[in-house]
Amino acid sequence: MKATNRDLLVLLKDESMSNQAIEQEVEQLNDLLFHTESAEIFCAVNEVVDMNRYRVHQDQKTLVQLMFQPELKPFIFINNKN
């Protein structure tokens, strides 16, 4: 797996966990986040609501273009489908 550059705060109930067990837990969390943070997954669970044109866009190209804009235009929203 590719090394990630992120900070994770892991709260443990059990103080008797070994360092190896904690490292394994953090590695599993990194693996889980690595697979869920892809562009395909993001585009599958979000949509663009454009209230100026009364349209909803669900295509990946539109979502990725909007994500790289420094600021969204007024009344254009990124909506989570959950």
N, C-alpha and C. Protein backbone atom coordinates (compact mmCIF):
# COMPACT_ATOMS: atom_id res chain seq x y z
N MET A 1 0.84 -1.18 0.00
CA MET A 1 0.00 0.00 0.00
C MET A 1 0.88 1.24 0.00
N LYS A 2 0.43 2.28 -0.69
CA LYS A 2 1.17 3.53 -0.75
C LYS A 2 1.11 4.24 0.60
N ALA A 3 2.24 4.79 1.01
CA ALA A 3 2.28 5.53 2.27
C ALA A 3 1.42 6.79 2.15
N THR A 4 0.64 7.07 3.16
CA THR A 4 -0.25 8.23 3.14
C THR A 4 0.29 9.32 4.04
N ASN A 5 -0.09 10.52 3.73
CA ASN A 5 0.32 11.66 4.53
C ASN A 5 -0.92 12.23 5.20
N ARG A 6 -1.32 11.63 6.30
CA ARG A 6 -2.49 12.09 7.03
C ARG A 6 -2.29 11.85 8.51
N ASP A 7 -2.99 12.60 9.29
CA ASP A 7 -2.96 12.43 10.73
C ASP A 7 -4.26 11.76 11.16
N LEU A 8 -4.14 10.71 11.92
CA LEU A 8 -5.31 10.02 12.46
C LEU A 8 -5.23 10.05 13.98
N LEU A 9 -6.35 10.34 14.59
CA LEU A 9 -6.46 10.27 16.03
C LEU A 9 -7.27 9.02 16.35
N VAL A 10 -6.64 8.06 17.00
CA VAL A 10 -7.30 6.80 17.32
C VAL A 10 -7.48 6.74 18.82
N LEU A 11 -8.71 6.68 19.25
CA LEU A 11 -9.02 6.58 20.68
C LEU A 11 -9.25 5.12 21.03
N LEU A 12 -8.58 4.66 22.07
CA LEU A 12 -8.65 3.25 22.47
C LEU A 12 -9.34 3.12 23.81
N LYS A 13 -10.22 2.13 23.91
CA LYS A 13 -10.85 1.83 25.19
C LYS A 13 -9.93 0.98 26.05
N ASP A 14 -9.19 0.11 25.38
CA ASP A 14 -8.36 -0.86 26.08
C ASP A 14 -6.91 -0.37 26.11
N GLU A 15 -6.39 -0.10 27.30
CA GLU A 15 -5.03 0.40 27.44
C GLU A 15 -3.99 -0.70 27.26
N SER A 16 -4.42 -1.95 27.25
CA SER A 16 -3.46 -3.06 27.19
C SER A 16 -3.12 -3.47 25.76
N MET A 17 -3.54 -2.68 24.75
CA MET A 17 -3.19 -3.02 23.37
C MET A 17 -1.70 -2.76 23.15
N SER A 18 -1.07 -3.68 22.46
CA SER A 18 0.36 -3.52 22.17
C SER A 18 0.55 -2.52 21.03
N ASN A 19 1.78 -2.04 20.90
CA ASN A 19 2.08 -1.11 19.82
C ASN A 19 1.84 -1.74 18.45
N GLN A 20 2.12 -3.03 18.34
CA GLN A 20 1.90 -3.74 17.07
C GLN A 20 0.41 -3.79 16.74
N ALA A 21 -0.43 -4.01 17.73
CA ALA A 21 -1.87 -4.04 17.50
C ALA A 21 -2.39 -2.67 17.10
N ILE A 22 -1.84 -1.61 17.71
CA ILE A 22 -2.25 -0.25 17.36
C ILE A 22 -1.82 0.07 15.94
N GLU A 23 -0.59 -0.29 15.57
CA GLU A 23 -0.10 -0.06 14.20
C GLU A 23 -0.95 -0.80 13.18
N GLN A 24 -1.37 -2.02 13.51
CA GLN A 24 -2.22 -2.80 12.61
C GLN A 24 -3.58 -2.12 12.44
N GLU A 25 -4.11 -1.59 13.53
CA GLU A 25 -5.39 -0.88 13.49
C GLU A 25 -5.30 0.36 12.60
N VAL A 26 -4.22 1.13 12.76
CA VAL A 26 -4.02 2.34 11.96
C VAL A 26 -3.84 1.98 10.49
N GLU A 27 -3.11 0.89 10.21
CA GLU A 27 -2.93 0.44 8.82
C GLU A 27 -4.27 0.05 8.19
N GLN A 28 -5.12 -0.62 8.94
CA GLN A 28 -6.44 -1.00 8.43
C GLN A 28 -7.30 0.23 8.17
N LEU A 29 -7.23 1.23 9.05
CA LEU A 29 -7.97 2.48 8.83
C LEU A 29 -7.47 3.20 7.59
N ASN A 30 -6.16 3.27 7.40
CA ASN A 30 -5.59 3.89 6.20
C ASN A 30 -6.03 3.16 4.94
N ASP A 31 -6.06 1.84 4.98
CA ASP A 31 -6.49 1.05 3.83
C ASP A 31 -7.95 1.31 3.51
N LEU A 32 -8.79 1.37 4.53
CA LEU A 32 -10.21 1.65 4.34
C LEU A 32 -10.42 3.03 3.73
N LEU A 33 -9.72 4.03 4.26
CA LEU A 33 -9.86 5.40 3.75
C LEU A 33 -9.29 5.54 2.35
N PHE A 34 -8.21 4.83 2.04
CA PHE A 34 -7.60 4.90 0.72
C PHE A 34 -8.59 4.46 -0.36
N HIS A 35 -9.34 3.40 -0.09
CA HIS A 35 -10.29 2.88 -1.08
C HIS A 35 -11.56 3.73 -1.17
N THR A 36 -11.92 4.41 -0.12
CA THR A 36 -13.16 5.20 -0.15
C THR A 36 -12.95 6.64 -0.59
N GLU A 37 -11.71 7.10 -0.69
CA GLU A 37 -11.45 8.48 -1.06
C GLU A 37 -11.16 8.64 -2.56
N SER A 38 -11.50 7.67 -3.37
CA SER A 38 -11.24 7.78 -4.80
C SER A 38 -12.28 8.67 -5.47
N ALA A 39 -11.96 9.16 -6.65
CA ALA A 39 -12.87 10.04 -7.38
C ALA A 39 -14.15 9.31 -7.79
N GLU A 40 -14.05 8.04 -8.15
CA GLU A 40 -15.25 7.29 -8.56
C GLU A 40 -16.24 7.16 -7.41
N ILE A 41 -15.74 6.86 -6.23
CA ILE A 41 -16.62 6.72 -5.06
C ILE A 41 -17.23 8.06 -4.70
N PHE A 42 -16.40 9.12 -4.71
CA PHE A 42 -16.91 10.45 -4.40
C PHE A 42 -18.04 10.84 -5.36
N CYS A 43 -17.84 10.57 -6.65
CA CYS A 43 -18.84 10.95 -7.66
C CYS A 43 -20.09 10.07 -7.57
N ALA A 44 -19.94 8.87 -7.06
CA ALA A 44 -21.10 7.99 -6.93
C ALA A 44 -22.02 8.42 -5.80
N VAL A 45 -21.49 9.07 -4.78
CA VAL A 45 -22.30 9.43 -3.61
C VAL A 45 -22.64 10.91 -3.52
N ASN A 46 -22.20 11.72 -4.50
CA ASN A 46 -22.50 13.14 -4.51
C ASN A 46 -23.09 13.56 -5.85
N GLU A 47 -23.76 14.69 -5.84
CA GLU A 47 -24.33 15.26 -7.06
C GLU A 47 -24.24 16.78 -6.98
N VAL A 48 -24.31 17.42 -8.13
CA VAL A 48 -24.25 18.87 -8.20
C VAL A 48 -25.67 19.38 -8.45
N VAL A 49 -26.13 20.27 -7.58
CA VAL A 49 -27.44 20.89 -7.72
C VAL A 49 -27.22 22.33 -8.16
N ASP A 50 -27.66 22.64 -9.36
CA ASP A 50 -27.52 23.98 -9.94
C ASP A 50 -28.89 24.65 -9.90
N MET A 51 -29.09 25.52 -8.91
CA MET A 51 -30.38 26.18 -8.76
C MET A 51 -30.57 27.30 -9.77
N ASN A 52 -29.50 27.76 -10.41
CA ASN A 52 -29.62 28.79 -11.44
C ASN A 52 -30.32 28.25 -12.69
N ARG A 53 -30.05 27.00 -13.01
CA ARG A 53 -30.64 26.37 -14.20
C ARG A 53 -31.64 25.28 -13.85
N TYR A 54 -31.88 25.07 -12.57
CA TYR A 54 -32.80 24.04 -12.09
C TYR A 54 -32.41 22.67 -12.64
N ARG A 55 -31.13 22.31 -12.46
CA ARG A 55 -30.63 21.04 -12.95
C ARG A 55 -29.87 20.32 -11.85
N VAL A 56 -29.83 19.01 -11.97
CA VAL A 56 -29.03 18.17 -11.09
C VAL A 56 -28.07 17.38 -11.98
N HIS A 57 -26.78 17.52 -11.71
CA HIS A 57 -25.76 16.81 -12.48
C HIS A 57 -25.20 15.68 -11.63
N GLN A 58 -25.11 14.50 -12.22
CA GLN A 58 -24.55 13.38 -11.49
C GLN A 58 -23.34 12.79 -12.20
N ASP A 59 -22.89 13.42 -13.29
CA ASP A 59 -21.77 12.86 -14.03
C ASP A 59 -20.45 13.20 -13.36
N GLN A 60 -19.48 12.33 -13.53
CA GLN A 60 -18.20 12.46 -12.86
C GLN A 60 -17.42 13.68 -13.33
N LYS A 61 -17.50 14.00 -14.61
CA LYS A 61 -16.73 15.12 -15.15
C LYS A 61 -17.14 16.44 -14.48
N THR A 62 -18.42 16.68 -14.33
CA THR A 62 -18.91 17.92 -13.72
C THR A 62 -18.49 18.01 -12.26
N LEU A 63 -18.61 16.90 -11.54
CA LEU A 63 -18.23 16.91 -10.12
C LEU A 63 -16.74 17.18 -9.93
N VAL A 64 -15.91 16.55 -10.73
CA VAL A 64 -14.47 16.74 -10.59
C VAL A 64 -14.09 18.17 -10.95
N GLN A 65 -14.70 18.74 -11.98
CA GLN A 65 -14.41 20.12 -12.35
C GLN A 65 -14.78 21.08 -11.21
N LEU A 66 -15.92 20.85 -10.59
CA LEU A 66 -16.34 21.72 -9.49
C LEU A 66 -15.46 21.57 -8.25
N MET A 67 -14.95 20.38 -8.01
CA MET A 67 -14.12 20.16 -6.83
C MET A 67 -12.80 20.91 -6.92
N PHE A 68 -12.31 21.17 -8.12
CA PHE A 68 -11.04 21.88 -8.27
C PHE A 68 -11.20 23.38 -8.44
N GLN A 69 -12.41 23.88 -8.36
CA GLN A 69 -12.62 25.32 -8.39
C GLN A 69 -12.39 25.88 -6.99
N PRO A 70 -11.74 27.03 -6.89
CA PRO A 70 -11.49 27.58 -5.55
C PRO A 70 -12.78 28.03 -4.85
N GLU A 71 -13.79 28.40 -5.62
CA GLU A 71 -15.05 28.87 -5.03
C GLU A 71 -16.19 28.54 -5.98
N LEU A 72 -17.29 28.04 -5.43
CA LEU A 72 -18.46 27.74 -6.26
C LEU A 72 -19.24 29.01 -6.56
N LYS A 73 -19.90 29.02 -7.69
CA LYS A 73 -20.76 30.15 -8.04
C LYS A 73 -21.97 30.14 -7.11
N PRO A 74 -22.65 31.26 -6.98
CA PRO A 74 -23.84 31.30 -6.12
C PRO A 74 -24.91 30.31 -6.58
N PHE A 75 -25.53 29.66 -5.64
CA PHE A 75 -26.64 28.74 -5.85
C PHE A 75 -26.25 27.49 -6.62
N ILE A 76 -25.00 27.09 -6.54
CA ILE A 76 -24.54 25.78 -7.04
C ILE A 76 -24.02 25.03 -5.81
N PHE A 77 -24.59 23.86 -5.58
CA PHE A 77 -24.30 23.11 -4.37
C PHE A 77 -23.82 21.72 -4.71
N ILE A 78 -22.92 21.20 -3.88
CA ILE A 78 -22.54 19.79 -3.95
C ILE A 78 -23.34 19.10 -2.85
N ASN A 79 -24.18 18.18 -3.26
CA ASN A 79 -25.11 17.53 -2.34
C ASN A 79 -24.74 16.07 -2.18
N ASN A 80 -24.67 15.60 -0.93
CA ASN A 80 -24.45 14.19 -0.66
C ASN A 80 -25.76 13.46 -0.77
N LYS A 81 -25.78 12.33 -1.46
CA LYS A 81 -27.02 11.59 -1.71
C LYS A 81 -27.54 10.82 -0.49
N ASN A 82 -26.74 10.75 0.56
CA ASN A 82 -27.19 9.98 1.74
C ASN A 82 -28.30 10.70 2.42
